[in-house]
Amino acid sequence: VSDTRDLKRTATIDFRFRLADGRLLVDADRLCATIKEYAWWLRDPRF
């Protein structure tokens, strides 16, 4: 992802995040879907 006004300034969001049972977040559908939605809507000025 990048800054809104400077697309060259970037950061990485890795959803392959380990959970407490040893699985990765991408393998836990319900949690992963919520976090990805949050990551998308976080750039919406309403939120």
ModelCIF file with pLDDT and N, C-alpha, C, O atoms, coordinates in Angstrom:
data_MODEL
#
_entry.id   MODEL 
#
_entity.id                         1 
_entity.type                       polymer 
_entity.pdbx_number_of_molecules   1 
#
_entity_poly.entity_id                      1 
_entity_poly.type                           'polypeptide(L)' 
_entity_poly.nstd_linkage                   no 
_entity_poly.nstd_monomer                   no 
_entity_poly.pdbx_seq_one_letter_code       VSDTRDLKRTATIDFRFRLADGRLLVDADRLCATIKEYAWWLRDPRF 
_entity_poly.pdbx_seq_one_letter_code_can   VSDTRDLKRTATIDFRFRLADGRLLVDADRLCATIKEYAWWLRDPRF 
_entity_poly.pdbx_strand_id                 A 
#
loop_
_entity_poly_seq.entity_id 
_entity_poly_seq.num 
_entity_poly_seq.mon_id 
_entity_poly_seq.hetero 
1 1  VAL n 
1 2  SER n 
1 3  ASP n 
1 4  THR n 
1 5  ARG n 
1 6  ASP n 
1 7  LEU n 
1 8  LYS n 
1 9  ARG n 
1 10 THR n 
1 11 ALA n 
1 12 THR n 
1 13 ILE n 
1 14 ASP n 
1 15 PHE n 
1 16 ARG n 
1 17 PHE n 
1 18 ARG n 
1 19 LEU n 
1 20 ALA n 
1 21 ASP n 
1 22 GLY n 
1 23 ARG n 
1 24 LEU n 
1 25 LEU n 
1 26 VAL n 
1 27 ASP n 
1 28 ALA n 
1 29 ASP n 
1 30 ARG n 
1 31 LEU n 
1 32 CYS n 
1 33 ALA n 
1 34 THR n 
1 35 ILE n 
1 36 LYS n 
1 37 GLU n 
1 38 TYR n 
1 39 ALA n 
1 40 TRP n 
1 41 TRP n 
1 42 LEU n 
1 43 ARG n 
1 44 ASP n 
1 45 PRO n 
1 46 ARG n 
1 47 PHE n 
#
_struct_asym.id          A 
_struct_asym.entity_id   1 
#
loop_
_ma_qa_metric.id 
_ma_qa_metric.mode 
_ma_qa_metric.name 
_ma_qa_metric.software_group_id 
_ma_qa_metric.type 
1 global pLDDT . pLDDT 
2 local  pLDDT . pLDDT 
#
_ma_qa_metric_global.metric_id      1 
_ma_qa_metric_global.metric_value   94.32 
_ma_qa_metric_global.model_id       1 
_ma_qa_metric_global.ordinal_id     1 
#
loop_
_ma_qa_metric_local.label_asym_id 
_ma_qa_metric_local.label_comp_id 
_ma_qa_metric_local.label_seq_id 
_ma_qa_metric_local.metric_id 
_ma_qa_metric_local.metric_value 
_ma_qa_metric_local.model_id 
_ma_qa_metric_local.ordinal_id 
A VAL 1  2 96.00 1 1  
A SER 2  2 95.00 1 2  
A ASP 3  2 93.00 1 3  
A THR 4  2 90.00 1 4  
A ARG 5  2 88.00 1 5  
A ASP 6  2 90.00 1 6  
A LEU 7  2 90.00 1 7  
A LYS 8  2 90.00 1 8  
A ARG 9  2 92.00 1 9  
A THR 10 2 94.00 1 10 
A ALA 11 2 95.00 1 11 
A THR 12 2 96.00 1 12 
A ILE 13 2 96.00 1 13 
A ASP 14 2 96.00 1 14 
A PHE 15 2 97.00 1 15 
A ARG 16 2 96.00 1 16 
A PHE 17 2 96.00 1 17 
A ARG 18 2 96.00 1 18 
A LEU 19 2 97.00 1 19 
A ALA 20 2 96.00 1 20 
A ASP 21 2 94.00 1 21 
A GLY 22 2 94.00 1 22 
A ARG 23 2 95.00 1 23 
A LEU 24 2 96.00 1 24 
A LEU 25 2 96.00 1 25 
A VAL 26 2 95.00 1 26 
A ASP 27 2 95.00 1 27 
A ALA 28 2 95.00 1 28 
A ASP 29 2 94.00 1 29 
A ARG 30 2 95.00 1 30 
A LEU 31 2 96.00 1 31 
A CYS 32 2 96.00 1 32 
A ALA 33 2 95.00 1 33 
A THR 34 2 96.00 1 34 
A ILE 35 2 97.00 1 35 
A LYS 36 2 96.00 1 36 
A GLU 37 2 95.00 1 37 
A TYR 38 2 96.00 1 38 
A ALA 39 2 96.00 1 39 
A TRP 40 2 95.00 1 40 
A TRP 41 2 94.00 1 41 
A LEU 42 2 94.00 1 42 
A ARG 43 2 93.00 1 43 
A ASP 44 2 92.00 1 44 
A PRO 45 2 91.00 1 45 
A ARG 46 2 91.00 1 46 
A PHE 47 2 92.00 1 47 
#
loop_
_atom_site.group_PDB 
_atom_site.id 
_atom_site.type_symbol 
_atom_site.label_atom_id 
_atom_site.label_alt_id 
_atom_site.label_comp_id 
_atom_site.label_asym_id 
_atom_site.label_entity_id 
_atom_site.label_seq_id 
_atom_site.pdbx_PDB_ins_code 
_atom_site.Cartn_x 
_atom_site.Cartn_y 
_atom_site.Cartn_z 
_atom_site.occupancy 
_atom_site.B_iso_or_equiv 
_atom_site.pdbx_formal_charge 
_atom_site.auth_seq_id 
_atom_site.auth_comp_id 
_atom_site.auth_asym_id 
_atom_site.auth_atom_id 
_atom_site.pdbx_PDB_model_num 
ATOM 1   N N  . VAL A 1 1  ? 0.851   -1.189  0.000  1.00 96.00 ? 1  VAL A N  1 
ATOM 2   C CA . VAL A 1 1  ? 0.000   0.000   0.000  1.00 96.00 ? 1  VAL A CA 1 
ATOM 3   C C  . VAL A 1 1  ? 0.884   1.236   0.000  1.00 96.00 ? 1  VAL A C  1 
ATOM 4   O O  . VAL A 1 1  ? 2.031   1.190   0.445  1.00 96.00 ? 1  VAL A O  1 
ATOM 5   N N  . SER A 1 2  ? 0.349   2.332   -0.499 1.00 95.00 ? 2  SER A N  1 
ATOM 6   C CA . SER A 1 2  ? 1.143   3.563   -0.588 1.00 95.00 ? 2  SER A CA 1 
ATOM 7   C C  . SER A 1 2  ? 0.382   4.733   0.009  1.00 95.00 ? 2  SER A C  1 
ATOM 8   O O  . SER A 1 2  ? -0.807  4.639   0.314  1.00 95.00 ? 2  SER A O  1 
ATOM 9   N N  . ASP A 1 3  ? 1.099   5.839   0.168  1.00 93.00 ? 3  ASP A N  1 
ATOM 10  C CA . ASP A 1 3  ? 0.467   7.079   0.612  1.00 93.00 ? 3  ASP A CA 1 
ATOM 11  C C  . ASP A 1 3  ? -0.525  7.531   -0.456 1.00 93.00 ? 3  ASP A C  1 
ATOM 12  O O  . ASP A 1 3  ? -0.348  7.245   -1.640 1.00 93.00 ? 3  ASP A O  1 
ATOM 13  N N  . THR A 1 4  ? -1.554  8.227   -0.033 1.00 90.00 ? 4  THR A N  1 
ATOM 14  C CA . THR A 1 4  ? -2.545  8.727   -0.981 1.00 90.00 ? 4  THR A CA 1 
ATOM 15  C C  . THR A 1 4  ? -1.940  9.752   -1.932 1.00 90.00 ? 4  THR A C  1 
ATOM 16  O O  . THR A 1 4  ? -2.260  9.764   -3.120 1.00 90.00 ? 4  THR A O  1 
ATOM 17  N N  . ARG A 1 5  ? -1.065  10.612  -1.412 1.00 88.00 ? 5  ARG A N  1 
ATOM 18  C CA . ARG A 1 5  ? -0.518  11.709  -2.220 1.00 88.00 ? 5  ARG A CA 1 
ATOM 19  C C  . ARG A 1 5  ? 0.874   11.401  -2.790 1.00 88.00 ? 5  ARG A C  1 
ATOM 20  O O  . ARG A 1 5  ? 1.390   12.164  -3.607 1.00 88.00 ? 5  ARG A O  1 
ATOM 21  N N  . ASP A 1 6  ? 1.468   10.307  -2.369 1.00 90.00 ? 6  ASP A N  1 
ATOM 22  C CA . ASP A 1 6  ? 2.790   9.947   -2.875 1.00 90.00 ? 6  ASP A CA 1 
ATOM 23  C C  . ASP A 1 6  ? 2.831   8.433   -3.049 1.00 90.00 ? 6  ASP A C  1 
ATOM 24  O O  . ASP A 1 6  ? 3.100   7.699   -2.098 1.00 90.00 ? 6  ASP A O  1 
ATOM 25  N N  . LEU A 1 7  ? 2.566   7.975   -4.254 1.00 90.00 ? 7  LEU A N  1 
ATOM 26  C CA . LEU A 1 7  ? 2.447   6.535   -4.507 1.00 90.00 ? 7  LEU A CA 1 
ATOM 27  C C  . LEU A 1 7  ? 3.780   5.808   -4.413 1.00 90.00 ? 7  LEU A C  1 
ATOM 28  O O  . LEU A 1 7  ? 3.815   4.578   -4.435 1.00 90.00 ? 7  LEU A O  1 
ATOM 29  N N  . LYS A 1 8  ? 4.886   6.559   -4.306 1.00 90.00 ? 8  LYS A N  1 
ATOM 30  C CA . LYS A 1 8  ? 6.192   5.912   -4.182 1.00 90.00 ? 8  LYS A CA 1 
ATOM 31  C C  . LYS A 1 8  ? 6.495   5.504   -2.738 1.00 90.00 ? 8  LYS A C  1 
ATOM 32  O O  . LYS A 1 8  ? 7.344   4.646   -2.497 1.00 90.00 ? 8  LYS A O  1 
ATOM 33  N N  . ARG A 1 9  ? 5.817   6.105   -1.807 1.00 92.00 ? 9  ARG A N  1 
ATOM 34  C CA . ARG A 1 9  ? 6.022   5.750   -0.389 1.00 92.00 ? 9  ARG A CA 1 
ATOM 35  C C  . ARG A 1 9  ? 5.084   4.604   -0.042 1.00 92.00 ? 9  ARG A C  1 
ATOM 36  O O  . ARG A 1 9  ? 3.866   4.777   0.006  1.00 92.00 ? 9  ARG A O  1 
ATOM 37  N N  . THR A 1 10 ? 5.659   3.438   0.197  1.00 94.00 ? 10 THR A N  1 
ATOM 38  C CA . THR A 1 10 ? 4.839   2.236   0.368  1.00 94.00 ? 10 THR A CA 1 
ATOM 39  C C  . THR A 1 10 ? 5.127   1.528   1.684  1.00 94.00 ? 10 THR A C  1 
ATOM 40  O O  . THR A 1 10 ? 6.142   1.774   2.336  1.00 94.00 ? 10 THR A O  1 
ATOM 41  N N  . ALA A 1 11 ? 4.216   0.649   2.053  1.00 95.00 ? 11 ALA A N  1 
ATOM 42  C CA . ALA A 1 11 ? 4.372   -0.240  3.211  1.00 95.00 ? 11 ALA A CA 1 
ATOM 43  C C  . ALA A 1 11 ? 3.713   -1.565  2.864  1.00 95.00 ? 11 ALA A C  1 
ATOM 44  O O  . ALA A 1 11 ? 2.878   -1.646  1.963  1.00 95.00 ? 11 ALA A O  1 
ATOM 45  N N  . THR A 1 12 ? 4.105   -2.602  3.594  1.00 96.00 ? 12 THR A N  1 
ATOM 46  C CA . THR A 1 12 ? 3.602   -3.944  3.300  1.00 96.00 ? 12 THR A CA 1 
ATOM 47  C C  . THR A 1 12 ? 2.654   -4.416  4.396  1.00 96.00 ? 12 THR A C  1 
ATOM 48  O O  . THR A 1 12 ? 2.924   -4.247  5.585  1.00 96.00 ? 12 THR A O  1 
ATOM 49  N N  . ILE A 1 13 ? 1.541   -5.009  3.978  1.00 96.00 ? 13 ILE A N  1 
ATOM 50  C CA . ILE A 1 13 ? 0.603   -5.654  4.900  1.00 96.00 ? 13 ILE A CA 1 
ATOM 51  C C  . ILE A 1 13 ? 0.579   -7.140  4.537  1.00 96.00 ? 13 ILE A C  1 
ATOM 52  O O  . ILE A 1 13 ? 0.102   -7.516  3.466  1.00 96.00 ? 13 ILE A O  1 
ATOM 53  N N  . ASP A 1 14 ? 1.092   -7.973  5.427  1.00 96.00 ? 14 ASP A N  1 
ATOM 54  C CA . ASP A 1 14 ? 1.192   -9.410  5.175  1.00 96.00 ? 14 ASP A CA 1 
ATOM 55  C C  . ASP A 1 14 ? 0.117   -10.133 5.979  1.00 96.00 ? 14 ASP A C  1 
ATOM 56  O O  . ASP A 1 14 ? 0.177   -10.178 7.207  1.00 96.00 ? 14 ASP A O  1 
ATOM 57  N N  . PHE A 1 15 ? -0.860  -10.695 5.284  1.00 97.00 ? 15 PHE A N  1 
ATOM 58  C CA . PHE A 1 15 ? -1.962  -11.392 5.960  1.00 97.00 ? 15 PHE A CA 1 
ATOM 59  C C  . PHE A 1 15 ? -1.592  -12.834 6.325  1.00 97.00 ? 15 PHE A C  1 
ATOM 60  O O  . PHE A 1 15 ? -2.415  -13.565 6.875  1.00 97.00 ? 15 PHE A O  1 
ATOM 61  N N  . ARG A 1 16 ? -0.363  -13.240 6.022  1.00 96.00 ? 16 ARG A N  1 
ATOM 62  C CA . ARG A 1 16 ? 0.094   -14.566 6.435  1.00 96.00 ? 16 ARG A CA 1 
ATOM 63  C C  . ARG A 1 16 ? 0.612   -14.476 7.869  1.00 96.00 ? 16 ARG A C  1 
ATOM 64  O O  . ARG A 1 16 ? 1.791   -14.694 8.146  1.00 96.00 ? 16 ARG A O  1 
ATOM 65  N N  . PHE A 1 17 ? -0.281  -14.159 8.736  1.00 96.00 ? 17 PHE A N  1 
ATOM 66  C CA . PHE A 1 17 ? 0.013   -13.823 10.130 1.00 96.00 ? 17 PHE A CA 1 
ATOM 67  C C  . PHE A 1 17 ? -0.353  -15.019 11.001 1.00 96.00 ? 17 PHE A C  1 
ATOM 68  O O  . PHE A 1 17 ? -1.469  -15.533 10.918 1.00 96.00 ? 17 PHE A O  1 
ATOM 69  N N  . ARG A 1 18 ? 0.584   -15.460 11.834 1.00 96.00 ? 18 ARG A N  1 
ATOM 70  C CA . ARG A 1 18 ? 0.346   -16.677 12.611 1.00 96.00 ? 18 ARG A CA 1 
ATOM 71  C C  . ARG A 1 18 ? -0.640  -16.432 13.754 1.00 96.00 ? 18 ARG A C  1 
ATOM 72  O O  . ARG A 1 18 ? -0.557  -15.427 14.459 1.00 96.00 ? 18 ARG A O  1 
ATOM 73  N N  . LEU A 1 19 ? -1.573  -17.367 13.922 1.00 97.00 ? 19 LEU A N  1 
ATOM 74  C CA . LEU A 1 19 ? -2.571  -17.306 14.991 1.00 97.00 ? 19 LEU A CA 1 
ATOM 75  C C  . LEU A 1 19 ? -2.194  -18.265 16.116 1.00 97.00 ? 19 LEU A C  1 
ATOM 76  O O  . LEU A 1 19 ? -1.208  -18.995 16.015 1.00 97.00 ? 19 LEU A O  1 
ATOM 77  N N  . ALA A 1 20 ? -2.979  -18.257 17.175 1.00 96.00 ? 20 ALA A N  1 
ATOM 78  C CA . ALA A 1 20 ? -2.597  -18.986 18.386 1.00 96.00 ? 20 ALA A CA 1 
ATOM 79  C C  . ALA A 1 20 ? -2.651  -20.497 18.240 1.00 96.00 ? 20 ALA A C  1 
ATOM 80  O O  . ALA A 1 20 ? -2.085  -21.207 19.072 1.00 96.00 ? 20 ALA A O  1 
ATOM 81  N N  . ASP A 1 21 ? -3.313  -21.015 17.208 1.00 94.00 ? 21 ASP A N  1 
ATOM 82  C CA . ASP A 1 21 ? -3.336  -22.470 17.007 1.00 94.00 ? 21 ASP A CA 1 
ATOM 83  C C  . ASP A 1 21 ? -2.289  -22.925 15.998 1.00 94.00 ? 21 ASP A C  1 
ATOM 84  O O  . ASP A 1 21 ? -2.241  -24.105 15.651 1.00 94.00 ? 21 ASP A O  1 
ATOM 85  N N  . GLY A 1 22 ? -1.445  -22.002 15.522 1.00 94.00 ? 22 GLY A N  1 
ATOM 86  C CA . GLY A 1 22 ? -0.387  -22.345 14.593 1.00 94.00 ? 22 GLY A CA 1 
ATOM 87  C C  . GLY A 1 22 ? -0.733  -22.088 13.142 1.00 94.00 ? 22 GLY A C  1 
ATOM 88  O O  . GLY A 1 22 ? 0.161   -22.027 12.298 1.00 94.00 ? 22 GLY A O  1 
ATOM 89  N N  . ARG A 1 23 ? -2.019  -21.935 12.831 1.00 95.00 ? 23 ARG A N  1 
ATOM 90  C CA . ARG A 1 23 ? -2.406  -21.637 11.447 1.00 95.00 ? 23 ARG A CA 1 
ATOM 91  C C  . ARG A 1 23 ? -2.114  -20.182 11.115 1.00 95.00 ? 23 ARG A C  1 
ATOM 92  O O  . ARG A 1 23 ? -1.867  -19.364 12.001 1.00 95.00 ? 23 ARG A O  1 
ATOM 93  N N  . LEU A 1 24 ? -2.147  -19.875 9.836  1.00 96.00 ? 24 LEU A N  1 
ATOM 94  C CA . LEU A 1 24 ? -2.000  -18.495 9.389  1.00 96.00 ? 24 LEU A CA 1 
ATOM 95  C C  . LEU A 1 24 ? -3.369  -17.847 9.269  1.00 96.00 ? 24 LEU A C  1 
ATOM 96  O O  . LEU A 1 24 ? -4.383  -18.525 9.099  1.00 96.00 ? 24 LEU A O  1 
ATOM 97  N N  . LEU A 1 25 ? -3.380  -16.531 9.359  1.00 96.00 ? 25 LEU A N  1 
ATOM 98  C CA . LEU A 1 25 ? -4.636  -15.782 9.268  1.00 96.00 ? 25 LEU A CA 1 
ATOM 99  C C  . LEU A 1 25 ? -5.372  -16.092 7.966  1.00 96.00 ? 25 LEU A C  1 
ATOM 100 O O  . LEU A 1 25 ? -6.600  -16.180 7.963  1.00 96.00 ? 25 LEU A O  1 
ATOM 101 N N  . VAL A 1 26 ? -4.650  -16.260 6.869  1.00 95.00 ? 26 VAL A N  1 
ATOM 102 C CA . VAL A 1 26 ? -5.297  -16.518 5.577  1.00 95.00 ? 26 VAL A CA 1 
ATOM 103 C C  . VAL A 1 26 ? -6.037  -17.851 5.563  1.00 95.00 ? 26 VAL A C  1 
ATOM 104 O O  . VAL A 1 26 ? -6.871  -18.090 4.690  1.00 95.00 ? 26 VAL A O  1 
ATOM 105 N N  . ASP A 1 27 ? -5.736  -18.721 6.526  1.00 95.00 ? 27 ASP A N  1 
ATOM 106 C CA . ASP A 1 27 ? -6.430  -20.008 6.617  1.00 95.00 ? 27 ASP A CA 1 
ATOM 107 C C  . ASP A 1 27 ? -7.634  -19.958 7.553  1.00 95.00 ? 27 ASP A C  1 
ATOM 108 O O  . ASP A 1 27 ? -8.385  -20.928 7.652  1.00 95.00 ? 27 ASP A O  1 
ATOM 109 N N  . ALA A 1 28 ? -7.818  -18.835 8.238  1.00 95.00 ? 28 ALA A N  1 
ATOM 110 C CA . ALA A 1 28 ? -8.973  -18.654 9.130  1.00 95.00 ? 28 ALA A CA 1 
ATOM 111 C C  . ALA A 1 28 ? -9.928  -17.690 8.426  1.00 95.00 ? 28 ALA A C  1 
ATOM 112 O O  . ALA A 1 28 ? -9.836  -16.475 8.596  1.00 95.00 ? 28 ALA A O  1 
ATOM 113 N N  . ASP A 1 29 ? -10.846 -18.250 7.634  1.00 94.00 ? 29 ASP A N  1 
ATOM 114 C CA . ASP A 1 29 ? -11.652 -17.456 6.708  1.00 94.00 ? 29 ASP A CA 1 
ATOM 115 C C  . ASP A 1 29 ? -12.375 -16.285 7.363  1.00 94.00 ? 29 ASP A C  1 
ATOM 116 O O  . ASP A 1 29 ? -12.354 -15.170 6.843  1.00 94.00 ? 29 ASP A O  1 
ATOM 117 N N  . ARG A 1 30 ? -13.004 -16.534 8.484  1.00 95.00 ? 30 ARG A N  1 
ATOM 118 C CA . ARG A 1 30 ? -13.857 -15.493 9.068  1.00 95.00 ? 30 ARG A CA 1 
ATOM 119 C C  . ARG A 1 30 ? -13.031 -14.305 9.550  1.00 95.00 ? 30 ARG A C  1 
ATOM 120 O O  . ARG A 1 30 ? -13.375 -13.153 9.284  1.00 95.00 ? 30 ARG A O  1 
ATOM 121 N N  . LEU A 1 31 ? -11.947 -14.588 10.255 1.00 96.00 ? 31 LEU A N  1 
ATOM 122 C CA . LEU A 1 31 ? -11.103 -13.503 10.746 1.00 96.00 ? 31 LEU A CA 1 
ATOM 123 C C  . LEU A 1 31 ? -10.417 -12.782 9.590  1.00 96.00 ? 31 LEU A C  1 
ATOM 124 O O  . LEU A 1 31 ? -10.355 -11.553 9.565  1.00 96.00 ? 31 LEU A O  1 
ATOM 125 N N  . CYS A 1 32 ? -9.906  -13.549 8.639  1.00 96.00 ? 32 CYS A N  1 
ATOM 126 C CA . CYS A 1 32 ? -9.186  -12.942 7.516  1.00 96.00 ? 32 CYS A CA 1 
ATOM 127 C C  . CYS A 1 32 ? -10.108 -12.043 6.693  1.00 96.00 ? 32 CYS A C  1 
ATOM 128 O O  . CYS A 1 32 ? -9.714  -10.946 6.296  1.00 96.00 ? 32 CYS A O  1 
ATOM 129 N N  . ALA A 1 33 ? -11.325 -12.501 6.439  1.00 95.00 ? 33 ALA A N  1 
ATOM 130 C CA . ALA A 1 33 ? -12.268 -11.695 5.662  1.00 95.00 ? 33 ALA A CA 1 
ATOM 131 C C  . ALA A 1 33 ? -12.543 -10.368 6.353  1.00 95.00 ? 33 ALA A C  1 
ATOM 132 O O  . ALA A 1 33 ? -12.591 -9.324  5.703  1.00 95.00 ? 33 ALA A O  1 
ATOM 133 N N  . THR A 1 34 ? -12.726 -10.406 7.685  1.00 96.00 ? 34 THR A N  1 
ATOM 134 C CA . THR A 1 34 ? -12.998 -9.173  8.439  1.00 96.00 ? 34 THR A CA 1 
ATOM 135 C C  . THR A 1 34 ? -11.807 -8.228  8.387  1.00 96.00 ? 34 THR A C  1 
ATOM 136 O O  . THR A 1 34 ? -11.976 -7.028  8.169  1.00 96.00 ? 34 THR A O  1 
ATOM 137 N N  . ILE A 1 35 ? -10.599 -8.762  8.586  1.00 97.00 ? 35 ILE A N  1 
ATOM 138 C CA . ILE A 1 35 ? -9.414  -7.896  8.624  1.00 97.00 ? 35 ILE A CA 1 
ATOM 139 C C  . ILE A 1 35 ? -9.130  -7.300  7.256  1.00 97.00 ? 35 ILE A C  1 
ATOM 140 O O  . ILE A 1 35 ? -8.721  -6.142  7.164  1.00 97.00 ? 35 ILE A O  1 
ATOM 141 N N  . LYS A 1 36 ? -9.340  -8.069  6.185  1.00 96.00 ? 36 LYS A N  1 
ATOM 142 C CA . LYS A 1 36 ? -9.143  -7.509  4.840  1.00 96.00 ? 36 LYS A CA 1 
ATOM 143 C C  . LYS A 1 36 ? -10.172 -6.411  4.548  1.00 96.00 ? 36 LYS A C  1 
ATOM 144 O O  . LYS A 1 36 ? -9.842  -5.385  3.953  1.00 96.00 ? 36 LYS A O  1 
ATOM 145 N N  . GLU A 1 37 ? -11.397 -6.634  4.966  1.00 95.00 ? 37 GLU A N  1 
ATOM 146 C CA . GLU A 1 37 ? -12.417 -5.593  4.781  1.00 95.00 ? 37 GLU A CA 1 
ATOM 147 C C  . GLU A 1 37 ? -12.042 -4.333  5.556  1.00 95.00 ? 37 GLU A C  1 
ATOM 148 O O  . GLU A 1 37 ? -12.184 -3.214  5.062  1.00 95.00 ? 37 GLU A O  1 
ATOM 149 N N  . TYR A 1 38 ? -11.565 -4.541  6.772  1.00 96.00 ? 38 TYR A N  1 
ATOM 150 C CA . TYR A 1 38 ? -11.133 -3.393  7.577  1.00 96.00 ? 38 TYR A CA 1 
ATOM 151 C C  . TYR A 1 38 ? -9.993  -2.658  6.882  1.00 96.00 ? 38 TYR A C  1 
ATOM 152 O O  . TYR A 1 38 ? -9.993  -1.429  6.808  1.00 96.00 ? 38 TYR A O  1 
ATOM 153 N N  . ALA A 1 39 ? -9.010  -3.421  6.369  1.00 96.00 ? 39 ALA A N  1 
ATOM 154 C CA . ALA A 1 39 ? -7.866  -2.806  5.698  1.00 96.00 ? 39 ALA A CA 1 
ATOM 155 C C  . ALA A 1 39 ? -8.300  -2.005  4.478  1.00 96.00 ? 39 ALA A C  1 
ATOM 156 O O  . ALA A 1 39 ? -7.692  -0.986  4.153  1.00 96.00 ? 39 ALA A O  1 
ATOM 157 N N  . TRP A 1 40 ? -9.352  -2.464  3.802  1.00 95.00 ? 40 TRP A N  1 
ATOM 158 C CA . TRP A 1 40 ? -9.859  -1.736  2.628  1.00 95.00 ? 40 TRP A CA 1 
ATOM 159 C C  . TRP A 1 40 ? -10.604 -0.470  3.042  1.00 95.00 ? 40 TRP A C  1 
ATOM 160 O O  . TRP A 1 40 ? -10.313 0.613   2.534  1.00 95.00 ? 40 TRP A O  1 
ATOM 161 N N  . TRP A 1 41 ? -11.549 -0.596  3.945  1.00 94.00 ? 41 TRP A N  1 
ATOM 162 C CA . TRP A 1 41 ? -12.405 0.543   4.309  1.00 94.00 ? 41 TRP A CA 1 
ATOM 163 C C  . TRP A 1 41 ? -11.698 1.562   5.193  1.00 94.00 ? 41 TRP A C  1 
ATOM 164 O O  . TRP A 1 41 ? -12.208 2.664   5.398  1.00 94.00 ? 41 TRP A O  1 
ATOM 165 N N  . LEU A 1 42 ? -10.526 1.203   5.719  1.00 94.00 ? 42 LEU A N  1 
ATOM 166 C CA . LEU A 1 42 ? -9.796  2.141   6.572  1.00 94.00 ? 42 LEU A CA 1 
ATOM 167 C C  . LEU A 1 42 ? -9.391  3.402   5.812  1.00 94.00 ? 42 LEU A C  1 
ATOM 168 O O  . LEU A 1 42 ? -9.195  4.454   6.419  1.00 94.00 ? 42 LEU A O  1 
ATOM 169 N N  . ARG A 1 43 ? -9.264  3.303   4.491  1.00 93.00 ? 43 ARG A N  1 
ATOM 170 C CA . ARG A 1 43 ? -8.908  4.476   3.689  1.00 93.00 ? 43 ARG A CA 1 
ATOM 171 C C  . ARG A 1 43 ? -10.135 5.321   3.325  1.00 93.00 ? 43 ARG A C  1 
ATOM 172 O O  . ARG A 1 43 ? -10.002 6.373   2.700  1.00 93.00 ? 43 ARG A O  1 
ATOM 173 N N  . ASP A 1 44 ? -11.326 4.859   3.717  1.00 92.00 ? 44 ASP A N  1 
ATOM 174 C CA . ASP A 1 44 ? -12.551 5.613   3.441  1.00 92.00 ? 44 ASP A CA 1 
ATOM 175 C C  . ASP A 1 44 ? -12.658 6.754   4.461  1.00 92.00 ? 44 ASP A C  1 
ATOM 176 O O  . ASP A 1 44 ? -12.631 6.493   5.664  1.00 92.00 ? 44 ASP A O  1 
ATOM 177 N N  . PRO A 1 45 ? -12.779 8.027   4.008  1.00 91.00 ? 45 PRO A N  1 
ATOM 178 C CA . PRO A 1 45 ? -12.819 9.162   4.949  1.00 91.00 ? 45 PRO A CA 1 
ATOM 179 C C  . PRO A 1 45 ? -14.000 9.128   5.909  1.00 91.00 ? 45 PRO A C  1 
ATOM 180 O O  . PRO A 1 45 ? -14.010 9.874   6.888  1.00 91.00 ? 45 PRO A O  1 
ATOM 181 N N  . ARG A 1 46 ? -14.988 8.285   5.657  1.00 91.00 ? 46 ARG A N  1 
ATOM 182 C CA . ARG A 1 46 ? -16.110 8.164   6.605  1.00 91.00 ? 46 ARG A CA 1 
ATOM 183 C C  . ARG A 1 46 ? -15.691 7.444   7.882  1.00 91.00 ? 46 ARG A C  1 
ATOM 184 O O  . ARG A 1 46 ? -16.353 7.569   8.913  1.00 91.00 ? 46 ARG A O  1 
ATOM 185 N N  . PHE A 1 47 ? -14.596 6.692   7.818  1.00 92.00 ? 47 PHE A N  1 
ATOM 186 C CA . PHE A 1 47 ? -14.188 5.888   8.970  1.00 92.00 ? 47 PHE A CA 1 
ATOM 187 C C  . PHE A 1 47 ? -12.853 6.307   9.569  1.00 92.00 ? 47 PHE A C  1 
ATOM 188 O O  . PHE A 1 47 ? -12.398 5.708   10.543 1.00 92.00 ? 47 PHE A O  1 
#
